[in-house]
């Protein structure tokens, strides 16, 4: 898949925090509660989510 085929999103309004928390767990990047992820990403100046 080419990079241009991804959807690049900078807003966090549509993020499924439960799904992101599960992704962190299976990655494995540790146990990150959904609310903690929302706080961290909400406080970040720079953020980008790529959707395939």
Protein backbone atom coordinates (compact mmCIF):
# COMPACT_ATOMS: atom_id res chain seq x y z
CA UNK A 1 0.00 0.00 0.00
CA UNK A 2 1.43 3.38 -1.01
CA UNK A 3 1.72 6.14 1.57
CA UNK A 4 -0.73 8.23 -0.43
CA UNK A 5 -3.40 5.59 0.14
CA UNK A 6 -3.42 6.22 3.88
CA UNK A 7 -5.68 8.76 5.52
CA UNK A 8 -3.64 11.11 7.72
CA UNK A 9 -5.63 12.64 10.59
CA UNK A 10 -4.36 15.25 13.04
CA UNK A 11 -7.54 15.66 15.09
CA UNK A 12 -8.35 13.34 17.98
CA UNK A 13 -12.13 13.76 17.92
CA UNK A 14 -12.77 10.53 16.02
CA UNK A 15 -10.21 8.34 17.80
CA UNK A 16 -11.62 5.17 19.33
CA UNK A 17 -9.69 5.27 22.60
CA UNK A 18 -10.70 1.75 23.61
CA UNK A 19 -9.41 0.41 20.29
CA UNK A 20 -6.16 2.36 20.64
CA UNK A 21 -5.73 0.99 24.15
CA UNK A 22 -6.16 -2.55 22.80
CA UNK A 23 -3.63 -1.83 20.05
CA UNK A 24 -1.07 -0.69 22.62
CA UNK A 25 -1.66 -3.91 24.57
CA UNK A 26 -1.24 -6.30 21.62
CA UNK A 27 1.68 -4.38 20.04
CA UNK A 28 3.04 -4.90 22.91
CA UNK A 29 3.56 -1.35 24.10
CA UNK A 30 2.16 -1.86 27.58
CA UNK A 31 -1.16 -1.39 29.30
CA UNK A 32 -2.45 2.10 28.57
CA UNK A 33 -5.97 2.89 29.80
CA UNK A 34 -8.15 4.68 27.23
CA UNK A 35 -8.55 7.78 29.39
CA UNK A 36 -4.79 8.04 29.92
CA UNK A 37 -4.23 7.88 26.16
CA UNK A 38 -6.85 10.57 25.61
CA UNK A 39 -5.10 12.82 28.13
CA UNK A 40 -1.63 12.26 26.70
CA UNK A 41 -2.64 12.77 23.07
CA UNK A 42 -4.85 15.70 24.05
CA UNK A 43 -1.89 17.42 25.70
CA UNK A 44 0.45 16.76 22.76
CA UNK A 45 1.26 19.62 20.43
CA UNK A 46 1.98 17.27 17.52
CA UNK A 47 -0.01 14.15 16.71
CA UNK A 48 -0.95 12.26 13.61
CA UNK A 49 -2.93 9.09 13.08
CA UNK A 50 -2.65 7.09 9.86
CA UNK A 51 -5.60 4.98 8.79
CA UNK A 52 -5.38 2.34 6.08
